Amino acid sequence: FVVGLDIPLLYETRMDKICDYIFLVNTTKKIQRKRVLMRPNMTEKKYELINNSQWSYEKKKNKKPLIINTSFGKLITFIIVIFYLLVIKFKGK
């Protein structure tokens, strides 16, 4: 069965060690900034602190996660996740 974890700073906290598969979501910096600043109690300063504490996208990508571009919205992202889960399930059989 599948358990999904949404762990901020996954690699930075070494929590990737407990995962069988890692999905790395990505979008443009512009879309990311817009989405983050829409959250309650989020400020530009908090956003910058969070952003500066993260590994770069390139460094994360080098860990070979399954990459999902979220720029196209929730429905497309959901379809991509389901596709990856089906590939993982049938690859194991």
PDB file of N, CA and C in Angstrom:
ATOM      1  N   PHE A   1       0.827  -1.183   0.000  1.00  0.00           N
ATOM      2  CA  PHE A   1       0.000   0.000   0.000  1.00  0.00           C
ATOM      3  C   PHE A   1       0.865   1.237   0.000  1.00  0.00           C
ATOM      4  N   VAL A   2       0.263   2.389  -0.234  1.00  0.00           N
ATOM      5  CA  VAL A   2       1.014   3.624  -0.441  1.00  0.00           C
ATOM      6  C   VAL A   2       0.725   4.606   0.675  1.00  0.00           C
ATOM      7  N   VAL A   3       1.769   5.216   1.184  1.00  0.00           N
ATOM      8  CA  VAL A   3       1.643   6.293   2.154  1.00  0.00           C
ATOM      9  C   VAL A   3       2.391   7.483   1.577  1.00  0.00           C
ATOM     10  N   GLY A   4       1.711   8.600   1.481  1.00  0.00           N
ATOM     11  CA  GLY A   4       2.337   9.816   0.965  1.00  0.00           C
ATOM     12  C   GLY A   4       2.673  10.760   2.108  1.00  0.00           C
ATOM     13  N   LEU A   5       3.851  11.312   2.042  1.00  0.00           N
ATOM     14  CA  LEU A   5       4.292  12.272   3.056  1.00  0.00           C
ATOM     15  C   LEU A   5       4.632  13.593   2.361  1.00  0.00           C
ATOM     16  N   ASP A   6       4.161  14.670   2.915  1.00  0.00           N
ATOM     17  CA  ASP A   6       4.512  15.999   2.415  1.00  0.00           C
ATOM     18  C   ASP A   6       5.475  16.579   3.439  1.00  0.00           C
ATOM     19  N   ILE A   7       6.765  16.495   3.140  1.00  0.00           N
ATOM     20  CA  ILE A   7       7.778  16.886   4.116  1.00  0.00           C
ATOM     21  C   ILE A   7       8.560  18.086   3.593  1.00  0.00           C
ATOM     22  N   PRO A   8       8.320  19.259   4.178  1.00  0.00           N
ATOM     23  CA  PRO A   8       9.133  20.407   3.792  1.00  0.00           C
ATOM     24  C   PRO A   8      10.604  20.121   4.114  1.00  0.00           C
ATOM     25  N   LEU A   9      11.471  20.567   3.250  1.00  0.00           N
ATOM     26  CA  LEU A   9      12.916  20.391   3.443  1.00  0.00           C
ATOM     27  C   LEU A   9      13.282  18.904   3.584  1.00  0.00           C
ATOM     28  N   LEU A  10      12.696  18.073   2.750  1.00  0.00           N
ATOM     29  CA  LEU A  10      12.896  16.621   2.794  1.00  0.00           C
ATOM     30  C   LEU A  10      14.375  16.240   2.767  1.00  0.00           C
ATOM     31  N   TYR A  11      15.090  16.717   1.774  1.00  0.00           N
ATOM     32  CA  TYR A  11      16.508  16.374   1.655  1.00  0.00           C
ATOM     33  C   TYR A  11      17.347  17.057   2.731  1.00  0.00           C
ATOM     34  N   GLU A  12      16.987  18.287   3.016  1.00  0.00           N
ATOM     35  CA  GLU A  12      17.760  19.064   3.975  1.00  0.00           C
ATOM     36  C   GLU A  12      17.724  18.456   5.379  1.00  0.00           C
ATOM     37  N   THR A  13      16.618  17.782   5.708  1.00  0.00           N
ATOM     38  CA  THR A  13      16.471  17.135   7.024  1.00  0.00           C
ATOM     39  C   THR A  13      16.798  15.639   6.966  1.00  0.00           C
ATOM     40  N   ARG A  14      17.220  15.175   5.806  1.00  0.00           N
ATOM     41  CA  ARG A  14      17.593  13.767   5.568  1.00  0.00           C
ATOM     42  C   ARG A  14      16.427  12.792   5.716  1.00  0.00           C
ATOM     43  N   MET A  15      15.215  13.288   5.625  1.00  0.00           N
ATOM     44  CA  MET A  15      14.046  12.418   5.707  1.00  0.00           C
ATOM     45  C   MET A  15      13.881  11.578   4.440  1.00  0.00           C
ATOM     46  N   ASP A  16      14.604  11.922   3.394  1.00  0.00           N
ATOM     47  CA  ASP A  16      14.550  11.123   2.168  1.00  0.00           C
ATOM     48  C   ASP A  16      15.000   9.681   2.416  1.00  0.00           C
ATOM     49  N   LYS A  17      15.748   9.462   3.476  1.00  0.00           N
ATOM     50  CA  LYS A  17      16.268   8.123   3.803  1.00  0.00           C
ATOM     51  C   LYS A  17      15.152   7.134   4.165  1.00  0.00           C
ATOM     52  N   ILE A  18      13.981   7.640   4.570  1.00  0.00           N
ATOM     53  CA  ILE A  18      12.883   6.746   4.960  1.00  0.00           C
ATOM     54  C   ILE A  18      11.912   6.493   3.801  1.00  0.00           C
ATOM     55  N   CYS A  19      12.203   7.024   2.632  1.00  0.00           N
ATOM     56  CA  CYS A  19      11.282   6.950   1.494  1.00  0.00           C
ATOM     57  C   CYS A  19      11.751   5.942   0.445  1.00  0.00           C
ATOM     58  N   ASP A  20      10.798   5.192  -0.098  1.00  0.00           N
ATOM     59  CA  ASP A  20      11.106   4.295  -1.214  1.00  0.00           C
ATOM     60  C   ASP A  20      11.125   5.070  -2.533  1.00  0.00           C
ATOM     61  N   TYR A  21      10.214   6.014  -2.664  1.00  0.00           N
ATOM     62  CA  TYR A  21      10.115   6.848  -3.867  1.00  0.00           C
ATOM     63  C   TYR A  21       9.923   8.293  -3.444  1.00  0.00           C
ATOM     64  N   ILE A  22      10.484   9.184  -4.230  1.00  0.00           N
ATOM     65  CA  ILE A  22      10.343  10.612  -3.934  1.00  0.00           C
ATOM     66  C   ILE A  22       9.828  11.320  -5.179  1.00  0.00           C
ATOM     67  N   PHE A  23       8.773  12.088  -4.986  1.00  0.00           N
ATOM     68  CA  PHE A  23       8.220  12.926  -6.037  1.00  0.00           C
ATOM     69  C   PHE A  23       8.705  14.347  -5.776  1.00  0.00           C
ATOM     70  N   LEU A  24       9.386  14.926  -6.722  1.00  0.00           N
ATOM     71  CA  LEU A  24       9.841  16.304  -6.605  1.00  0.00           C
ATOM     72  C   LEU A  24       8.925  17.170  -7.453  1.00  0.00           C
ATOM     73  N   VAL A  25       8.152  18.031  -6.786  1.00  0.00           N
ATOM     74  CA  VAL A  25       7.266  18.925  -7.527  1.00  0.00           C
ATOM     75  C   VAL A  25       8.013  20.205  -7.840  1.00  0.00           C
ATOM     76  N   ASN A  26       7.706  20.739  -9.010  1.00  0.00           N
ATOM     77  CA  ASN A  26       8.416  21.921  -9.460  1.00  0.00           C
ATOM     78  C   ASN A  26       7.498  22.796 -10.297  1.00  0.00           C
ATOM     79  N   THR A  27       7.755  24.078 -10.236  1.00  0.00           N
ATOM     80  CA  THR A  27       7.058  25.043 -11.072  1.00  0.00           C
ATOM     81  C   THR A  27       8.006  26.216 -11.283  1.00  0.00           C
ATOM     82  N   THR A  28       7.554  27.221 -11.974  1.00  0.00           N
ATOM     83  CA  THR A  28       8.402  28.394 -12.175  1.00  0.00           C
ATOM     84  C   THR A  28       8.524  29.171 -10.864  1.00  0.00           C
ATOM     85  N   LYS A  29       9.569  29.921 -10.745  1.00  0.00           N
ATOM     86  CA  LYS A  29       9.756  30.753  -9.539  1.00  0.00           C
ATOM     87  C   LYS A  29       8.588  31.727  -9.373  1.00  0.00           C
ATOM     88  N   LYS A  30       8.099  32.251 -10.485  1.00  0.00           N
ATOM     89  CA  LYS A  30       6.986  33.212 -10.436  1.00  0.00           C
ATOM     90  C   LYS A  30       5.721  32.566  -9.871  1.00  0.00           C
ATOM     91  N   ILE A  31       5.374  31.382 -10.364  1.00  0.00           N
ATOM     92  CA  ILE A  31       4.179  30.687  -9.871  1.00  0.00           C
ATOM     93  C   ILE A  31       4.388  30.269  -8.420  1.00  0.00           C
ATOM     94  N   GLN A  32       5.572  29.762  -8.094  1.00  0.00           N
ATOM     95  CA  GLN A  32       5.858  29.348  -6.717  1.00  0.00           C
ATOM     96  C   GLN A  32       5.667  30.523  -5.760  1.00  0.00           C
ATOM     97  N   ARG A  33       6.252  31.644  -6.087  1.00  0.00           N
ATOM     98  CA  ARG A  33       6.159  32.836  -5.229  1.00  0.00           C
ATOM     99  C   ARG A  33       4.698  33.237  -5.039  1.00  0.00           C
ATOM    100  N   LYS A  34       3.944  33.265  -6.133  1.00  0.00           N
ATOM    101  CA  LYS A  34       2.526  33.644  -6.068  1.00  0.00           C
ATOM    102  C   LYS A  34       1.746  32.696  -5.155  1.00  0.00           C
ATOM    103  N   ARG A  35       1.943  31.394  -5.316  1.00  0.00           N
ATOM    104  CA  ARG A  35       1.238  30.401  -4.500  1.00  0.00           C
ATOM    105  C   ARG A  35       1.602  30.521  -3.023  1.00  0.00           C
ATOM    106  N   VAL A  36       2.879  30.664  -2.755  1.00  0.00           N
ATOM    107  CA  VAL A  36       3.330  30.739  -1.359  1.00  0.00           C
ATOM    108  C   VAL A  36       2.790  31.995  -0.689  1.00  0.00           C
ATOM    109  N   LEU A  37       2.838  33.116  -1.373  1.00  0.00           N
ATOM    110  CA  LEU A  37       2.383  34.372  -0.766  1.00  0.00           C
ATOM    111  C   LEU A  37       0.870  34.425  -0.576  1.00  0.00           C
ATOM    112  N   MET A  38       0.130  33.496  -1.189  1.00  0.00           N
ATOM    113  CA  MET A  38      -1.323  33.429  -0.985  1.00  0.00           C
ATOM    114  C   MET A  38      -1.683  32.733   0.326  1.00  0.00           C
ATOM    115  N   ARG A  39      -0.734  32.043   0.940  1.00  0.00           N
ATOM    116  CA  ARG A  39      -0.996  31.321   2.187  1.00  0.00           C
ATOM    117  C   ARG A  39      -1.247  32.298   3.339  1.00  0.00           C
ATOM    118  N   PRO A  40      -2.114  31.897   4.275  1.00  0.00           N
ATOM    119  CA  PRO A  40      -2.367  32.769   5.433  1.00  0.00           C
ATOM    120  C   PRO A  40      -1.074  33.026   6.218  1.00  0.00           C
ATOM    121  N   ASN A  41      -0.917  34.222   6.681  1.00  0.00           N
ATOM    122  CA  ASN A  41       0.226  34.633   7.504  1.00  0.00           C
ATOM    123  C   ASN A  41       1.584  34.551   6.814  1.00  0.00           C
ATOM    124  N   MET A  42       1.595  34.414   5.495  1.00  0.00           N
ATOM    125  CA  MET A  42       2.867  34.355   4.783  1.00  0.00           C
ATOM    126  C   MET A  42       3.263  35.775   4.382  1.00  0.00           C
ATOM    127  N   THR A  43       4.517  36.073   4.588  1.00  0.00           N
ATOM    128  CA  THR A  43       5.053  37.376   4.205  1.00  0.00           C
ATOM    129  C   THR A  43       6.204  37.174   3.239  1.00  0.00           C
ATOM    130  N   GLU A  44       6.582  38.242   2.599  1.00  0.00           N
ATOM    131  CA  GLU A  44       7.733  38.209   1.691  1.00  0.00           C
ATOM    132  C   GLU A  44       8.991  37.761   2.442  1.00  0.00           C
ATOM    133  N   LYS A  45       9.138  38.236   3.666  1.00  0.00           N
ATOM    134  CA  LYS A  45      10.313  37.895   4.472  1.00  0.00           C
ATOM    135  C   LYS A  45      10.332  36.393   4.801  1.00  0.00           C
ATOM    136  N   LYS A  46       9.177  35.851   5.220  1.00  0.00           N
ATOM    137  CA  LYS A  46       9.089  34.409   5.513  1.00  0.00           C
ATOM    138  C   LYS A  46       9.384  33.590   4.260  1.00  0.00           C
ATOM    139  N   TYR A  47       8.828  34.041   3.142  1.00  0.00           N
ATOM    140  CA  TYR A  47       9.049  33.357   1.871  1.00  0.00           C
ATOM    141  C   TYR A  47      10.542  33.303   1.548  1.00  0.00           C
ATOM    142  N   GLU A  48      11.212  34.415   1.694  1.00  0.00           N
ATOM    143  CA  GLU A  48      12.654  34.467   1.406  1.00  0.00           C
ATOM    144  C   GLU A  48      13.441  33.563   2.350  1.00  0.00           C
ATOM    145  N   LEU A  49      13.073  33.528   3.632  1.00  0.00           N
ATOM    146  CA  LEU A  49      13.757  32.657   4.594  1.00  0.00           C
ATOM    147  C   LEU A  49      13.597  31.181   4.209  1.00  0.00           C
ATOM    148  N   ILE A  50      12.384  30.804   3.863  1.00  0.00           N
ATOM    149  CA  ILE A  50      12.115  29.421   3.454  1.00  0.00           C
ATOM    150  C   ILE A  50      12.885  29.099   2.174  1.00  0.00           C
ATOM    151  N   ASN A  51      12.776  29.972   1.215  1.00  0.00           N
ATOM    152  CA  ASN A  51      13.417  29.758  -0.077  1.00  0.00           C
ATOM    153  C   ASN A  51      14.937  29.630   0.061  1.00  0.00           C
ATOM    154  N   ASN A  52      15.515  30.437   0.920  1.00  0.00           N
ATOM    155  CA  ASN A  52      16.968  30.413   1.104  1.00  0.00           C
ATOM    156  C   ASN A  52      17.456  29.198   1.887  1.00  0.00           C
ATOM    157  N   SER A  53      16.554  28.528   2.622  1.00  0.00           N
ATOM    158  CA  SER A  53      16.960  27.361   3.407  1.00  0.00           C
ATOM    159  C   SER A  53      16.856  26.064   2.601  1.00  0.00           C
ATOM    160  N   GLN A  54      16.271  26.145   1.412  1.00  0.00           N
ATOM    161  CA  GLN A  54      16.091  24.953   0.593  1.00  0.00           C
ATOM    162  C   GLN A  54      17.301  24.698  -0.304  1.00  0.00           C
ATOM    163  N   TRP A  55      17.498  23.416  -0.615  1.00  0.00           N
ATOM    164  CA  TRP A  55      18.485  23.068  -1.625  1.00  0.00           C
ATOM    165  C   TRP A  55      18.000  23.611  -2.969  1.00  0.00           C
ATOM    166  N   SER A  56      18.895  23.798  -3.878  1.00  0.00           N
ATOM    167  CA  SER A  56      18.511  24.230  -5.221  1.00  0.00           C
ATOM    168  C   SER A  56      17.769  23.098  -5.928  1.00  0.00           C
ATOM    169  N   TYR A  57      16.989  23.458  -6.914  1.00  0.00           N
ATOM    170  CA  TYR A  57      16.266  22.455  -7.710  1.00  0.00           C
ATOM    171  C   TYR A  57      17.258  21.487  -8.349  1.00  0.00           C
ATOM    172  N   GLU A  58      18.350  22.008  -8.874  1.00  0.00           N
ATOM    173  CA  GLU A  58      19.356  21.164  -9.523  1.00  0.00           C
ATOM    174  C   GLU A  58      19.935  20.127  -8.556  1.00  0.00           C
ATOM    175  N   LYS A  59      20.220  20.539  -7.341  1.00  0.00           N
ATOM    176  CA  LYS A  59      20.775  19.627  -6.351  1.00  0.00           C
ATOM    177  C   LYS A  59      19.766  18.531  -5.997  1.00  0.00           C
ATOM    178  N   LYS A  60      18.487  18.910  -5.845  1.00  0.00           N
ATOM    179  CA  LYS A  60      17.435  17.931  -5.561  1.00  0.00           C
ATOM    180  C   LYS A  60      17.278  16.971  -6.745  1.00  0.00           C
ATOM    181  N   LYS A  61      17.295  17.516  -7.947  1.00  0.00           N
ATOM    182  CA  LYS A  61      17.120  16.721  -9.156  1.00  0.00           C
ATOM    183  C   LYS A  61      18.222  15.671  -9.292  1.00  0.00           C
ATOM    184  N   ASN A  62      19.408  15.983  -8.834  1.00  0.00           N
ATOM    185  CA  ASN A  62      20.527  15.041  -8.901  1.00  0.00           C
ATOM    186  C   ASN A  62      20.319  13.806  -8.029  1.00  0.00           C
ATOM    187  N   LYS A  63      19.365  13.860  -7.096  1.00  0.00           N
ATOM    188  CA  LYS A  63      19.033  12.710  -6.241  1.00  0.00           C
ATOM    189  C   LYS A  63      18.115  11.716  -6.965  1.00  0.00           C
ATOM    190  N   LYS A  64      17.720  12.043  -8.193  1.00  0.00           N
ATOM    191  CA  LYS A  64      16.910  11.180  -9.060  1.00  0.00           C
ATOM    192  C   LYS A  64      15.483  10.920  -8.558  1.00  0.00           C
ATOM    193  N   PRO A  65      14.775  11.962  -8.124  1.00  0.00           N
ATOM    194  CA  PRO A  65      13.365  11.762  -7.752  1.00  0.00           C
ATOM    195  C   PRO A  65      12.503  11.671  -9.008  1.00  0.00           C
ATOM    196  N   LEU A  66      11.241  11.326  -8.832  1.00  0.00           N
ATOM    197  CA  LEU A  66      10.264  11.406  -9.911  1.00  0.00           C
ATOM    198  C   LEU A  66       9.805  12.861  -9.951  1.00  0.00           C
ATOM    199  N   ILE A  67       9.999  13.526 -11.067  1.00  0.00           N
ATOM    200  CA  ILE A  67       9.746  14.971 -11.149  1.00  0.00           C
ATOM    201  C   ILE A  67       8.361  15.236 -11.717  1.00  0.00           C
ATOM    202  N   ILE A  68       7.650  16.141 -11.037  1.00  0.00           N
ATOM    203  CA  ILE A  68       6.305  16.531 -11.461  1.00  0.00           C
ATOM    204  C   ILE A  68       6.249  18.048 -11.585  1.00  0.00           C
ATOM    205  N   ASN A  69       5.903  18.511 -12.776  1.00  0.00           N
ATOM    206  CA  ASN A  69       5.727  19.937 -13.001  1.00  0.00           C
ATOM    207  C   ASN A  69       4.298  20.301 -12.605  1.00  0.00           C
ATOM    208  N   THR A  70       4.144  21.175 -11.617  1.00  0.00           N
ATOM    209  CA  THR A  70       2.814  21.546 -11.124  1.00  0.00           C
ATOM    210  C   THR A  70       2.281  22.830 -11.756  1.00  0.00           C
ATOM    211  N   SER A  71       2.959  23.327 -12.777  1.00  0.00           N
ATOM    212  CA  SER A  71       2.568  24.596 -13.402  1.00  0.00           C
ATOM    213  C   SER A  71       1.212  24.538 -14.095  1.00  0.00           C
ATOM    214  N   PHE A  72       0.742  23.333 -14.401  1.00  0.00           N
ATOM    215  CA  PHE A  72      -0.486  23.192 -15.184  1.00  0.00           C
ATOM    216  C   PHE A  72      -1.733  22.986 -14.340  1.00  0.00           C
ATOM    217  N   GLY A  73      -1.593  23.076 -13.022  1.00  0.00           N
ATOM    218  CA  GLY A  73      -2.746  22.986 -12.145  1.00  0.00           C
ATOM    219  C   GLY A  73      -2.891  21.647 -11.455  1.00  0.00           C
ATOM    220  N   LYS A  74      -3.874  21.601 -10.568  1.00  0.00           N
ATOM    221  CA  LYS A  74      -4.065  20.434  -9.700  1.00  0.00           C
ATOM    222  C   LYS A  74      -4.514  19.185 -10.452  1.00  0.00           C
ATOM    223  N   LEU A  75      -5.394  19.334 -11.429  1.00  0.00           N
ATOM    224  CA  LEU A  75      -5.897  18.162 -12.150  1.00  0.00           C
ATOM    225  C   LEU A  75      -4.773  17.458 -12.907  1.00  0.00           C
ATOM    226  N   ILE A  76      -3.995  18.200 -13.645  1.00  0.00           N
ATOM    227  CA  ILE A  76      -2.887  17.603 -14.399  1.00  0.00           C
ATOM    228  C   ILE A  76      -1.867  16.999 -13.439  1.00  0.00           C
ATOM    229  N   THR A  77      -1.581  17.689 -12.342  1.00  0.00           N
ATOM    230  CA  THR A  77      -0.654  17.158 -11.337  1.00  0.00           C
ATOM    231  C   THR A  77      -1.171  15.837 -10.784  1.00  0.00           C
ATOM    232  N   PHE A  78      -2.454  15.771 -10.466  1.00  0.00           N
ATOM    233  CA  PHE A  78      -3.071  14.546  -9.950  1.00  0.00           C
ATOM    234  C   PHE A  78      -2.936  13.402 -10.956  1.00  0.00           C
ATOM    235  N   ILE A  79      -3.208  13.680 -12.217  1.00  0.00           N
ATOM    236  CA  ILE A  79      -3.105  12.653 -13.262  1.00  0.00           C
ATOM    237  C   ILE A  79      -1.668  12.137 -13.360  1.00  0.00           C
ATOM    238  N   ILE A  80      -0.696  13.031 -13.292  1.00  0.00           N
ATOM    239  CA  ILE A  80       0.710  12.623 -13.360  1.00  0.00           C
ATOM    240  C   ILE A  80       1.074  11.747 -12.160  1.00  0.00           C
ATOM    241  N   VAL A  81       0.620  12.120 -10.982  1.00  0.00           N
ATOM    242  CA  VAL A  81       0.909  11.322  -9.782  1.00  0.00           C
ATOM    243  C   VAL A  81       0.304   9.924  -9.925  1.00  0.00           C
ATOM    244  N   ILE A  82      -0.933   9.832 -10.371  1.00  0.00           N
ATOM    245  CA  ILE A  82      -1.582   8.528 -10.562  1.00  0.00           C
ATOM    246  C   ILE A  82      -0.799   7.701 -11.585  1.00  0.00           C
ATOM    247  N   PHE A  83      -0.376   8.331 -12.661  1.00  0.00           N
ATOM    248  CA  PHE A  83       0.422   7.631 -13.669  1.00  0.00           C
ATOM    249  C   PHE A  83       1.694   7.054 -13.041  1.00  0.00           C
ATOM    250  N   TYR A  84       2.425   7.875 -12.297  1.00  0.00           N
ATOM    251  CA  TYR A  84       3.655   7.400 -11.650  1.00  0.00           C
ATOM    252  C   TYR A  84       3.360   6.249 -10.688  1.00  0.00           C
ATOM    253  N   LEU A  85       2.289   6.357  -9.918  1.00  0.00           N
ATOM    254  CA  LEU A  85       1.945   5.293  -8.967  1.00  0.00           C
ATOM    255  C   LEU A  85       1.618   3.991  -9.691  1.00  0.00           C
ATOM    256  N   LEU A  86       0.932   4.078 -10.819  1.00  0.00           N
ATOM    257  CA  LEU A  86       0.640   2.876 -11.609  1.00  0.00           C
ATOM    258  C   LEU A  86       1.916   2.267 -12.175  1.00  0.00           C
ATOM    259  N   VAL A  87       2.806   3.104 -12.657  1.00  0.00           N
ATOM    260  CA  VAL A  87       4.091   2.607 -13.173  1.00  0.00           C
ATOM    261  C   VAL A  87       4.866   1.908 -12.068  1.00  0.00           C
ATOM    262  N   ILE A  88       4.910   2.513 -10.890  1.00  0.00           N
ATOM    263  CA  ILE A  88       5.625   1.910  -9.762  1.00  0.00           C
ATOM    264  C   ILE A  88       4.994   0.572  -9.388  1.00  0.00           C
ATOM    265  N   LYS A  89       3.660   0.532  -9.327  1.00  0.00           N
ATOM    266  CA  LYS A  89       2.962  -0.704  -8.938  1.00  0.00           C
ATOM    267  C   LYS A  89       3.240  -1.829  -9.926  1.00  0.00           C
ATOM    268  N   PHE A  90       3.112  -1.546 -11.219  1.00  0.00           N
ATOM    269  CA  PHE A  90       3.266  -2.603 -12.211  1.00  0.00           C
ATOM    270  C   PHE A  90       4.730  -2.931 -12.480  1.00  0.00           C
ATOM    271  N   LYS A  91       5.614  -2.029 -12.187  1.00  0.00           N
ATOM    272  CA  LYS A  91       7.045  -2.295 -12.324  1.00  0.00           C
ATOM    273  C   LYS A  91       7.482  -3.340 -11.290  1.00  0.00           C
ATOM    274  N   GLY A  92       6.849  -3.321 -10.113  1.00  0.00           N
ATOM    275  CA  GLY A  92       7.180  -4.247  -9.048  1.00  0.00           C
ATOM    276  C   GLY A  92       6.642  -5.658  -9.240  1.00  0.00           C
ATOM    277  N   LYS A  93       5.733  -5.858 -10.205  1.00  0.00           N
ATOM    278  CA  LYS A  93       5.124  -7.179 -10.418  1.00  0.00           C
ATOM    279  C   LYS A  93       5.947  -8.038 -11.341  1.00  0.00           C
TER     280      LYS A  93
END
